[in-house]
Amino acid sequence: MSNTQTQKIEDFQPLSKAANDVKRQICKHCKETDKRWDAKNIKGNPYSFYEGDENYTIELGCRGCYQYDPVEYRRSCAEKISQEASKHTVDFIMNKLYPNE
């Protein structure tokens, strides 16, 4: 992404100055503590990370953190919620049709 010849507009997050300042502080804290920011800090976010956990690792880097890619975070949440809803729907229907089995 640092190569200006291969950069695309999708590589960037348009942020206001205030949002950019907050994101910078969040990322700075992560680098100092090796603990990633929990997306559940924003009301309505159902998962902490879309990949990995709170521990920063060299292999994963920032990938999986809401701050790294909020669009991917939302896409991943929609997919997880859909999968969970499908499973619960099947269980509900089977329990209604066959309650004693």
PDB file of N, CA and C in Angstrom:
ATOM      1  N   MET A   1       0.811  -1.171   0.000  1.00  0.00           N
ATOM      2  CA  MET A   1       0.000   0.000   0.000  1.00  0.00           C
ATOM      3  C   MET A   1       0.872   1.259   0.000  1.00  0.00           C
ATOM      4  N   SER A   2       2.092   1.164   0.434  1.00  0.00           N
ATOM      5  CA  SER A   2       2.975   2.330   0.453  1.00  0.00           C
ATOM      6  C   SER A   2       3.463   2.717  -0.937  1.00  0.00           C
ATOM      7  N   ASN A   3       3.347   1.801  -1.874  1.00  0.00           N
ATOM      8  CA  ASN A   3       3.778   2.060  -3.245  1.00  0.00           C
ATOM      9  C   ASN A   3       2.705   2.891  -3.957  1.00  0.00           C
ATOM     10  N   THR A   4       3.046   4.127  -4.284  1.00  0.00           N
ATOM     11  CA  THR A   4       2.058   5.012  -4.915  1.00  0.00           C
ATOM     12  C   THR A   4       1.625   4.523  -6.293  1.00  0.00           C
ATOM     13  N   GLN A   5       2.418   3.671  -6.924  1.00  0.00           N
ATOM     14  CA  GLN A   5       2.081   3.154  -8.252  1.00  0.00           C
ATOM     15  C   GLN A   5       0.949   2.124  -8.193  1.00  0.00           C
ATOM     16  N   THR A   6       0.814   1.445  -7.051  1.00  0.00           N
ATOM     17  CA  THR A   6      -0.197   0.390  -6.948  1.00  0.00           C
ATOM     18  C   THR A   6      -1.364   0.766  -6.034  1.00  0.00           C
ATOM     19  N   GLN A   7      -1.356   1.966  -5.470  1.00  0.00           N
ATOM     20  CA  GLN A   7      -2.423   2.393  -4.569  1.00  0.00           C
ATOM     21  C   GLN A   7      -3.745   2.551  -5.311  1.00  0.00           C
ATOM     22  N   LYS A   8      -4.819   2.202  -4.605  1.00  0.00           N
ATOM     23  CA  LYS A   8      -6.172   2.385  -5.114  1.00  0.00           C
ATOM     24  C   LYS A   8      -6.945   3.198  -4.083  1.00  0.00           C
ATOM     25  N   ILE A   9      -7.992   3.852  -4.491  1.00  0.00           N
ATOM     26  CA  ILE A   9      -8.807   4.658  -3.587  1.00  0.00           C
ATOM     27  C   ILE A   9      -9.369   3.794  -2.452  1.00  0.00           C
ATOM     28  N   GLU A  10      -9.638   2.509  -2.728  1.00  0.00           N
ATOM     29  CA  GLU A  10     -10.188   1.599  -1.726  1.00  0.00           C
ATOM     30  C   GLU A  10      -9.196   1.308  -0.604  1.00  0.00           C
ATOM     31  N   ASP A  11      -7.918   1.647  -0.811  1.00  0.00           N
ATOM     32  CA  ASP A  11      -6.900   1.405   0.211  1.00  0.00           C
ATOM     33  C   ASP A  11      -6.977   2.413   1.355  1.00  0.00           C
ATOM     34  N   PHE A  12      -7.801   3.436   1.208  1.00  0.00           N
ATOM     35  CA  PHE A  12      -7.824   4.529   2.179  1.00  0.00           C
ATOM     36  C   PHE A  12      -9.185   4.660   2.835  1.00  0.00           C
ATOM     37  N   GLN A  13      -9.160   5.123   4.103  1.00  0.00           N
ATOM     38  CA  GLN A  13     -10.374   5.391   4.852  1.00  0.00           C
ATOM     39  C   GLN A  13     -10.547   6.900   4.965  1.00  0.00           C
ATOM     40  N   PRO A  14     -11.563   7.460   4.342  1.00  0.00           N
ATOM     41  CA  PRO A  14     -11.776   8.903   4.486  1.00  0.00           C
ATOM     42  C   PRO A  14     -12.292   9.203   5.890  1.00  0.00           C
ATOM     43  N   LEU A  15     -11.510   9.940   6.663  1.00  0.00           N
ATOM     44  CA  LEU A  15     -11.875  10.253   8.040  1.00  0.00           C
ATOM     45  C   LEU A  15     -11.813  11.757   8.277  1.00  0.00           C
ATOM     46  N   SER A  16     -12.636  12.211   9.183  1.00  0.00           N
ATOM     47  CA  SER A  16     -12.523  13.599   9.617  1.00  0.00           C
ATOM     48  C   SER A  16     -11.269  13.724  10.482  1.00  0.00           C
ATOM     49  N   LYS A  17     -10.837  14.928  10.731  1.00  0.00           N
ATOM     50  CA  LYS A  17      -9.649  15.143  11.572  1.00  0.00           C
ATOM     51  C   LYS A  17      -9.864  14.528  12.951  1.00  0.00           C
ATOM     52  N   ALA A  18     -11.034  14.753  13.532  1.00  0.00           N
ATOM     53  CA  ALA A  18     -11.316  14.220  14.872  1.00  0.00           C
ATOM     54  C   ALA A  18     -11.273  12.690  14.882  1.00  0.00           C
ATOM     55  N   ALA A  19     -11.900  12.064  13.884  1.00  0.00           N
ATOM     56  CA  ALA A  19     -11.898  10.606  13.808  1.00  0.00           C
ATOM     57  C   ALA A  19     -10.488  10.074  13.566  1.00  0.00           C
ATOM     58  N   ASN A  20      -9.737  10.751  12.733  1.00  0.00           N
ATOM     59  CA  ASN A  20      -8.363  10.337  12.461  1.00  0.00           C
ATOM     60  C   ASN A  20      -7.504  10.434  13.730  1.00  0.00           C
ATOM     61  N   ASP A  21      -7.690  11.487  14.512  1.00  0.00           N
ATOM     62  CA  ASP A  21      -6.945  11.646  15.767  1.00  0.00           C
ATOM     63  C   ASP A  21      -7.267  10.529  16.754  1.00  0.00           C
ATOM     64  N   VAL A  22      -8.554  10.186  16.863  1.00  0.00           N
ATOM     65  CA  VAL A  22      -8.962   9.098  17.753  1.00  0.00           C
ATOM     66  C   VAL A  22      -8.352   7.786  17.281  1.00  0.00           C
ATOM     67  N   LYS A  23      -8.455   7.501  15.986  1.00  0.00           N
ATOM     68  CA  LYS A  23      -7.897   6.259  15.437  1.00  0.00           C
ATOM     69  C   LYS A  23      -6.397   6.188  15.695  1.00  0.00           C
ATOM     70  N   ARG A  24      -5.690   7.291  15.515  1.00  0.00           N
ATOM     71  CA  ARG A  24      -4.245   7.325  15.751  1.00  0.00           C
ATOM     72  C   ARG A  24      -3.927   6.949  17.199  1.00  0.00           C
ATOM     73  N   GLN A  25      -4.698   7.478  18.150  1.00  0.00           N
ATOM     74  CA  GLN A  25      -4.461   7.181  19.562  1.00  0.00           C
ATOM     75  C   GLN A  25      -4.765   5.715  19.876  1.00  0.00           C
ATOM     76  N   ILE A  26      -5.832   5.193  19.276  1.00  0.00           N
ATOM     77  CA  ILE A  26      -6.185   3.789  19.487  1.00  0.00           C
ATOM     78  C   ILE A  26      -5.058   2.893  18.979  1.00  0.00           C
ATOM     79  N   CYS A  27      -4.566   3.179  17.784  1.00  0.00           N
ATOM     80  CA  CYS A  27      -3.490   2.368  17.202  1.00  0.00           C
ATOM     81  C   CYS A  27      -2.192   2.521  17.993  1.00  0.00           C
ATOM     82  N   LYS A  28      -1.923   3.707  18.489  1.00  0.00           N
ATOM     83  CA  LYS A  28      -0.731   3.946  19.299  1.00  0.00           C
ATOM     84  C   LYS A  28      -0.791   3.108  20.572  1.00  0.00           C
ATOM     85  N   HIS A  29      -1.947   3.094  21.221  1.00  0.00           N
ATOM     86  CA  HIS A  29      -2.128   2.307  22.444  1.00  0.00           C
ATOM     87  C   HIS A  29      -1.938   0.821  22.148  1.00  0.00           C
ATOM     88  N   CYS A  30      -2.463   0.361  21.034  1.00  0.00           N
ATOM     89  CA  CYS A  30      -2.303  -1.047  20.633  1.00  0.00           C
ATOM     90  C   CYS A  30      -0.822  -1.393  20.494  1.00  0.00           C
ATOM     91  N   LYS A  31      -0.089  -0.550  19.812  1.00  0.00           N
ATOM     92  CA  LYS A  31       1.350  -0.807  19.604  1.00  0.00           C
ATOM     93  C   LYS A  31       2.116  -0.817  20.918  1.00  0.00           C
ATOM     94  N   GLU A  32       1.701   0.009  21.861  1.00  0.00           N
ATOM     95  CA  GLU A  32       2.389   0.082  23.155  1.00  0.00           C
ATOM     96  C   GLU A  32       2.078  -1.117  24.046  1.00  0.00           C
ATOM     97  N   THR A  33       0.858  -1.665  23.932  1.00  0.00           N
ATOM     98  CA  THR A  33       0.412  -2.719  24.851  1.00  0.00           C
ATOM     99  C   THR A  33       0.296  -4.094  24.213  1.00  0.00           C
ATOM    100  N   ASP A  34       0.351  -4.169  22.874  1.00  0.00           N
ATOM    101  CA  ASP A  34       0.088  -5.409  22.132  1.00  0.00           C
ATOM    102  C   ASP A  34      -1.331  -5.937  22.373  1.00  0.00           C
ATOM    103  N   LYS A  35      -2.236  -5.044  22.766  1.00  0.00           N
ATOM    104  CA  LYS A  35      -3.650  -5.390  22.949  1.00  0.00           C
ATOM    105  C   LYS A  35      -4.468  -4.573  21.962  1.00  0.00           C
ATOM    106  N   ARG A  36      -5.238  -5.284  21.150  1.00  0.00           N
ATOM    107  CA  ARG A  36      -6.021  -4.623  20.118  1.00  0.00           C
ATOM    108  C   ARG A  36      -7.295  -4.024  20.694  1.00  0.00           C
ATOM    109  N   TRP A  37      -7.804  -3.023  19.990  1.00  0.00           N
ATOM    110  CA  TRP A  37      -9.006  -2.308  20.401  1.00  0.00           C
ATOM    111  C   TRP A  37     -10.236  -3.167  20.164  1.00  0.00           C
ATOM    112  N   ASP A  38     -11.124  -3.214  21.131  1.00  0.00           N
ATOM    113  CA  ASP A  38     -12.338  -4.028  21.076  1.00  0.00           C
ATOM    114  C   ASP A  38     -13.454  -3.253  20.375  1.00  0.00           C
ATOM    115  N   ALA A  39     -13.947  -3.784  19.268  1.00  0.00           N
ATOM    116  CA  ALA A  39     -15.007  -3.112  18.501  1.00  0.00           C
ATOM    117  C   ALA A  39     -16.301  -2.987  19.286  1.00  0.00           C
ATOM    118  N   LYS A  40     -16.473  -3.796  20.327  1.00  0.00           N
ATOM    119  CA  LYS A  40     -17.671  -3.686  21.157  1.00  0.00           C
ATOM    120  C   LYS A  40     -17.688  -2.388  21.948  1.00  0.00           C
ATOM    121  N   ASN A  41     -16.594  -1.628  21.896  1.00  0.00           N
ATOM    122  CA  ASN A  41     -16.595  -0.300  22.501  1.00  0.00           C
ATOM    123  C   ASN A  41     -17.589   0.624  21.801  1.00  0.00           C
ATOM    124  N   ILE A  42     -17.974   0.274  20.585  1.00  0.00           N
ATOM    125  CA  ILE A  42     -19.000   1.020  19.853  1.00  0.00           C
ATOM    126  C   ILE A  42     -20.314   0.262  20.007  1.00  0.00           C
ATOM    127  N   LYS A  43     -21.286   0.917  20.600  1.00  0.00           N
ATOM    128  CA  LYS A  43     -22.583   0.288  20.826  1.00  0.00           C
ATOM    129  C   LYS A  43     -23.151  -0.237  19.514  1.00  0.00           C
ATOM    130  N   GLY A  44     -23.615  -1.468  19.541  1.00  0.00           N
ATOM    131  CA  GLY A  44     -24.192  -2.083  18.350  1.00  0.00           C
ATOM    132  C   GLY A  44     -23.240  -3.014  17.621  1.00  0.00           C
ATOM    133  N   ASN A  45     -21.958  -2.943  17.935  1.00  0.00           N
ATOM    134  CA  ASN A  45     -21.016  -3.891  17.316  1.00  0.00           C
ATOM    135  C   ASN A  45     -21.088  -5.209  18.082  1.00  0.00           C
ATOM    136  N   PRO A  46     -21.465  -6.303  17.417  1.00  0.00           N
ATOM    137  CA  PRO A  46     -21.702  -7.557  18.123  1.00  0.00           C
ATOM    138  C   PRO A  46     -20.459  -8.408  18.393  1.00  0.00           C
ATOM    139  N   TYR A  47     -19.362  -8.127  17.723  1.00  0.00           N
ATOM    140  CA  TYR A  47     -18.151  -8.937  17.881  1.00  0.00           C
ATOM    141  C   TYR A  47     -16.961  -8.023  18.165  1.00  0.00           C
ATOM    142  N   SER A  48     -16.009  -8.543  18.901  1.00  0.00           N
ATOM    143  CA  SER A  48     -14.822  -7.758  19.241  1.00  0.00           C
ATOM    144  C   SER A  48     -13.894  -7.576  18.052  1.00  0.00           C
ATOM    145  N   PHE A  49     -13.715  -8.634  17.272  1.00  0.00           N
ATOM    146  CA  PHE A  49     -12.782  -8.628  16.142  1.00  0.00           C
ATOM    147  C   PHE A  49     -13.362  -9.487  15.023  1.00  0.00           C
ATOM    148  N   TYR A  50     -13.023  -9.198  13.792  1.00  0.00           N
ATOM    149  CA  TYR A  50     -13.491 -10.050  12.703  1.00  0.00           C
ATOM    150  C   TYR A  50     -12.486 -11.145  12.382  1.00  0.00           C
ATOM    151  N   GLU A  51     -11.311 -11.042  12.977  1.00  0.00           N
ATOM    152  CA  GLU A  51     -10.293 -12.088  12.832  1.00  0.00           C
ATOM    153  C   GLU A  51      -9.349 -11.963  14.022  1.00  0.00           C
ATOM    154  N   GLY A  52      -8.982 -13.079  14.619  1.00  0.00           N
ATOM    155  CA  GLY A  52      -8.079 -13.048  15.762  1.00  0.00           C
ATOM    156  C   GLY A  52      -8.792 -12.641  17.045  1.00  0.00           C
ATOM    157  N   ASP A  53      -7.992 -12.264  18.040  1.00  0.00           N
ATOM    158  CA  ASP A  53      -8.540 -11.852  19.322  1.00  0.00           C
ATOM    159  C   ASP A  53      -7.861 -10.562  19.776  1.00  0.00           C
ATOM    160  N   GLU A  54      -7.902 -10.291  21.067  1.00  0.00           N
ATOM    161  CA  GLU A  54      -7.369  -9.021  21.559  1.00  0.00           C
ATOM    162  C   GLU A  54      -5.847  -8.916  21.475  1.00  0.00           C
ATOM    163  N   ASN A  55      -5.185 -10.030  21.294  1.00  0.00           N
ATOM    164  CA  ASN A  55      -3.725 -10.030  21.288  1.00  0.00           C
ATOM    165  C   ASN A  55      -3.172  -9.710  19.908  1.00  0.00           C
ATOM    166  N   TYR A  56      -2.364  -8.672  19.843  1.00  0.00           N
ATOM    167  CA  TYR A  56      -1.705  -8.310  18.595  1.00  0.00           C
ATOM    168  C   TYR A  56      -0.594  -9.315  18.324  1.00  0.00           C
ATOM    169  N   THR A  57      -0.537  -9.829  17.100  1.00  0.00           N
ATOM    170  CA  THR A  57       0.548 -10.734  16.704  1.00  0.00           C
ATOM    171  C   THR A  57       1.163 -10.233  15.406  1.00  0.00           C
ATOM    172  N   ILE A  58       2.414 -10.544  15.213  1.00  0.00           N
ATOM    173  CA  ILE A  58       3.107 -10.145  13.990  1.00  0.00           C
ATOM    174  C   ILE A  58       2.432 -10.789  12.778  1.00  0.00           C
ATOM    175  N   GLU A  59       2.038 -12.056  12.900  1.00  0.00           N
ATOM    176  CA  GLU A  59       1.435 -12.781  11.781  1.00  0.00           C
ATOM    177  C   GLU A  59       0.130 -12.131  11.328  1.00  0.00           C
ATOM    178  N   LEU A  60      -0.703 -11.753  12.267  1.00  0.00           N
ATOM    179  CA  LEU A  60      -2.007 -11.177  11.939  1.00  0.00           C
ATOM    180  C   LEU A  60      -1.913  -9.673  11.714  1.00  0.00           C
ATOM    181  N   GLY A  61      -1.008  -9.041  12.430  1.00  0.00           N
ATOM    182  CA  GLY A  61      -0.888  -7.584  12.313  1.00  0.00           C
ATOM    183  C   GLY A  61      -2.178  -6.910  12.735  1.00  0.00           C
ATOM    184  N   CYS A  62      -2.588  -5.918  12.016  1.00  0.00           N
ATOM    185  CA  CYS A  62      -3.806  -5.163  12.339  1.00  0.00           C
ATOM    186  C   CYS A  62      -5.060  -5.816  11.766  1.00  0.00           C
ATOM    187  N   ARG A  63      -4.891  -6.781  10.866  1.00  0.00           N
ATOM    188  CA  ARG A  63      -6.038  -7.432  10.233  1.00  0.00           C
ATOM    189  C   ARG A  63      -6.936  -8.053  11.304  1.00  0.00           C
ATOM    190  N   GLY A  64      -8.207  -7.776  11.226  1.00  0.00           N
ATOM    191  CA  GLY A  64      -9.178  -8.297  12.177  1.00  0.00           C
ATOM    192  C   GLY A  64      -9.686  -7.236  13.130  1.00  0.00           C
ATOM    193  N   CYS A  65      -8.985  -6.121  13.194  1.00  0.00           N
ATOM    194  CA  CYS A  65      -9.386  -5.026  14.076  1.00  0.00           C
ATOM    195  C   CYS A  65     -10.360  -4.102  13.339  1.00  0.00           C
ATOM    196  N   TYR A  66     -11.398  -3.672  14.020  1.00  0.00           N
ATOM    197  CA  TYR A  66     -12.362  -2.748  13.437  1.00  0.00           C
ATOM    198  C   TYR A  66     -11.670  -1.501  12.894  1.00  0.00           C
ATOM    199  N   GLN A  67     -10.697  -0.993  13.624  1.00  0.00           N
ATOM    200  CA  GLN A  67     -10.004   0.229  13.210  1.00  0.00           C
ATOM    201  C   GLN A  67      -9.229   0.031  11.907  1.00  0.00           C
ATOM    202  N   TYR A  68      -8.783  -1.170  11.668  1.00  0.00           N
ATOM    203  CA  TYR A  68      -8.016  -1.467  10.458  1.00  0.00           C
ATOM    204  C   TYR A  68      -8.904  -1.441   9.221  1.00  0.00           C
ATOM    205  N   ASP A  69     -10.099  -2.055   9.338  1.00  0.00           N
ATOM    206  CA  ASP A  69     -10.984  -2.127   8.173  1.00  0.00           C
ATOM    207  C   ASP A  69     -12.442  -2.235   8.625  1.00  0.00           C
ATOM    208  N   PRO A  70     -13.087  -1.096   8.917  1.00  0.00           N
ATOM    209  CA  PRO A  70     -14.471  -1.141   9.378  1.00  0.00           C
ATOM    210  C   PRO A  70     -15.445  -1.725   8.358  1.00  0.00           C
ATOM    211  N   VAL A  71     -15.144  -1.586   7.079  1.00  0.00           N
ATOM    212  CA  VAL A  71     -16.016  -2.155   6.048  1.00  0.00           C
ATOM    213  C   VAL A  71     -15.958  -3.681   6.104  1.00  0.00           C
ATOM    214  N   GLU A  72     -14.769  -4.238   6.217  1.00  0.00           N
ATOM    215  CA  GLU A  72     -14.615  -5.696   6.331  1.00  0.00           C
ATOM    216  C   GLU A  72     -15.211  -6.192   7.645  1.00  0.00           C
ATOM    217  N   TYR A  73     -15.073  -5.402   8.707  1.00  0.00           N
ATOM    218  CA  TYR A  73     -15.682  -5.766   9.991  1.00  0.00           C
ATOM    219  C   TYR A  73     -17.191  -5.936   9.820  1.00  0.00           C
ATOM    220  N   ARG A  74     -17.843  -4.970   9.195  1.00  0.00           N
ATOM    221  CA  ARG A  74     -19.298  -5.027   8.997  1.00  0.00           C
ATOM    222  C   ARG A  74     -19.698  -6.197   8.098  1.00  0.00           C
ATOM    223  N   ARG A  75     -18.949  -6.425   7.033  1.00  0.00           N
ATOM    224  CA  ARG A  75     -19.238  -7.546   6.137  1.00  0.00           C
ATOM    225  C   ARG A  75     -19.137  -8.873   6.892  1.00  0.00           C
ATOM    226  N   SER A  76     -18.084  -9.005   7.677  1.00  0.00           N
ATOM    227  CA  SER A  76     -17.868 -10.215   8.456  1.00  0.00           C
ATOM    228  C   SER A  76     -18.975 -10.409   9.487  1.00  0.00           C
ATOM    229  N   CYS A  77     -19.397  -9.329  10.143  1.00  0.00           N
ATOM    230  CA  CYS A  77     -20.485  -9.414  11.119  1.00  0.00           C
ATOM    231  C   CYS A  77     -21.778  -9.888  10.463  1.00  0.00           C
ATOM    232  N   ALA A  78     -22.088  -9.331   9.306  1.00  0.00           N
ATOM    233  CA  ALA A  78     -23.308  -9.721   8.596  1.00  0.00           C
ATOM    234  C   ALA A  78     -23.270 -11.213   8.263  1.00  0.00           C
ATOM    235  N   GLU A  79     -22.122 -11.690   7.852  1.00  0.00           N
ATOM    236  CA  GLU A  79     -21.979 -13.112   7.521  1.00  0.00           C
ATOM    237  C   GLU A  79     -22.142 -13.984   8.769  1.00  0.00           C
ATOM    238  N   LYS A  80     -21.495 -13.619   9.871  1.00  0.00           N
ATOM    239  CA  LYS A  80     -21.598 -14.400  11.117  1.00  0.00           C
ATOM    240  C   LYS A  80     -23.023 -14.403  11.652  1.00  0.00           C
ATOM    241  N   ILE A  81     -23.668 -13.244  11.635  1.00  0.00           N
ATOM    242  CA  ILE A  81     -25.039 -13.146  12.134  1.00  0.00           C
ATOM    243  C   ILE A  81     -25.974 -13.991  11.283  1.00  0.00           C
ATOM    244  N   SER A  82     -25.784 -13.965   9.982  1.00  0.00           N
ATOM    245  CA  SER A  82     -26.599 -14.769   9.077  1.00  0.00           C
ATOM    246  C   SER A  82     -26.429 -16.258   9.369  1.00  0.00           C
ATOM    247  N   GLN A  83     -25.199 -16.688   9.572  1.00  0.00           N
ATOM    248  CA  GLN A  83     -24.936 -18.096   9.886  1.00  0.00           C
ATOM    249  C   GLN A  83     -25.577 -18.497  11.218  1.00  0.00           C
ATOM    250  N   GLU A  84     -25.439 -17.631  12.224  1.00  0.00           N
ATOM    251  CA  GLU A  84     -26.039 -17.922  13.534  1.00  0.00           C
ATOM    252  C   GLU A  84     -27.561 -17.973  13.438  1.00  0.00           C
ATOM    253  N   ALA A  85     -28.153 -17.035  12.713  1.00  0.00           N
ATOM    254  CA  ALA A  85     -29.608 -16.997  12.571  1.00  0.00           C
ATOM    255  C   ALA A  85     -30.114 -18.242  11.856  1.00  0.00           C
ATOM    256  N   SER A  86     -29.405 -18.679  10.822  1.00  0.00           N
ATOM    257  CA  SER A  86     -29.804 -19.883  10.089  1.00  0.00           C
ATOM    258  C   SER A  86     -29.803 -21.098  10.999  1.00  0.00           C
ATOM    259  N   LYS A  87     -28.758 -21.225  11.796  1.00  0.00           N
ATOM    260  CA  LYS A  87     -28.669 -22.380  12.697  1.00  0.00           C
ATOM    261  C   LYS A  87     -29.805 -22.358  13.715  1.00  0.00           C
ATOM    262  N   HIS A  88     -30.066 -21.184  14.300  1.00  0.00           N
ATOM    263  CA  HIS A  88     -31.127 -21.089  15.300  1.00  0.00           C
ATOM    264  C   HIS A  88     -32.497 -21.316  14.680  1.00  0.00           C
ATOM    265  N   THR A  89     -32.688 -20.920  13.448  1.00  0.00           N
ATOM    266  CA  THR A  89     -33.961 -21.129  12.763  1.00  0.00           C
ATOM    267  C   THR A  89     -34.211 -22.622  12.556  1.00  0.00           C
ATOM    268  N   VAL A  90     -33.203 -23.321  12.096  1.00  0.00           N
ATOM    269  CA  VAL A  90     -33.342 -24.765  11.891  1.00  0.00           C
ATOM    270  C   VAL A  90     -33.653 -25.453  13.217  1.00  0.00           C
ATOM    271  N   ASP A  91     -32.931 -25.119  14.277  1.00  0.00           N
ATOM    272  CA  ASP A  91     -33.175 -25.715  15.591  1.00  0.00           C
ATOM    273  C   ASP A  91     -34.592 -25.423  16.076  1.00  0.00           C
ATOM    274  N   PHE A  92     -35.049 -24.189  15.902  1.00  0.00           N
ATOM    275  CA  PHE A  92     -36.387 -23.797  16.334  1.00  0.00           C
ATOM    276  C   PHE A  92     -37.455 -24.609  15.598  1.00  0.00           C
ATOM    277  N   ILE A  93     -37.329 -24.708  14.273  1.00  0.00           N
ATOM    278  CA  ILE A  93     -38.309 -25.439  13.467  1.00  0.00           C
ATOM    279  C   ILE A  93     -38.326 -26.914  13.846  1.00  0.00           C
ATOM    280  N   MET A  94     -37.159 -27.508  13.987  1.00  0.00           N
ATOM    281  CA  MET A  94     -37.093 -28.934  14.339  1.00  0.00           C
ATOM    282  C   MET A  94     -37.718 -29.177  15.721  1.00  0.00           C
ATOM    283  N   ASN A  95     -37.487 -28.285  16.665  1.00  0.00           N
ATOM    284  CA  ASN A  95     -38.082 -28.439  18.009  1.00  0.00           C
ATOM    285  C   ASN A  95     -39.595 -28.269  17.974  1.00  0.00           C
ATOM    286  N   LYS A  96     -40.098 -27.428  17.086  1.00  0.00           N
ATOM    287  CA  LYS A  96     -41.548 -27.254  16.948  1.00  0.00           C
ATOM    288  C   LYS A  96     -42.187 -28.480  16.293  1.00  0.00           C
ATOM    289  N   LEU A  97     -41.541 -29.002  15.255  1.00  0.00           N
ATOM    290  CA  LEU A  97     -42.095 -30.145  14.525  1.00  0.00           C
ATOM    291  C   LEU A  97     -41.925 -31.459  15.284  1.00  0.00           C
ATOM    292  N   TYR A  98     -40.800 -31.593  15.951  1.00  0.00           N
ATOM    293  CA  TYR A  98     -40.467 -32.851  16.627  1.00  0.00           C
ATOM    294  C   TYR A  98     -39.991 -32.558  18.047  1.00  0.00           C
ATOM    295  N   PRO A  99     -40.914 -32.128  18.921  1.00  0.00           N
ATOM    296  CA  PRO A  99     -40.493 -31.662  20.253  1.00  0.00           C
ATOM    297  C   PRO A  99     -39.914 -32.742  21.157  1.00  0.00           C
ATOM    298  N   ASN A 100     -40.247 -33.990  20.964  1.00  0.00           N
ATOM    299  CA  ASN A 100     -39.795 -35.026  21.879  1.00  0.00           C
ATOM    300  C   ASN A 100     -38.579 -35.801  21.360  1.00  0.00           C
ATOM    301  N   GLU A 101     -38.042 -35.409  20.236  1.00  0.00           N
ATOM    302  CA  GLU A 101     -36.941 -36.187  19.660  1.00  0.00           C
ATOM    303  C   GLU A 101     -35.625 -35.507  19.917  1.00  0.00           C
TER     304      GLU A 101
END
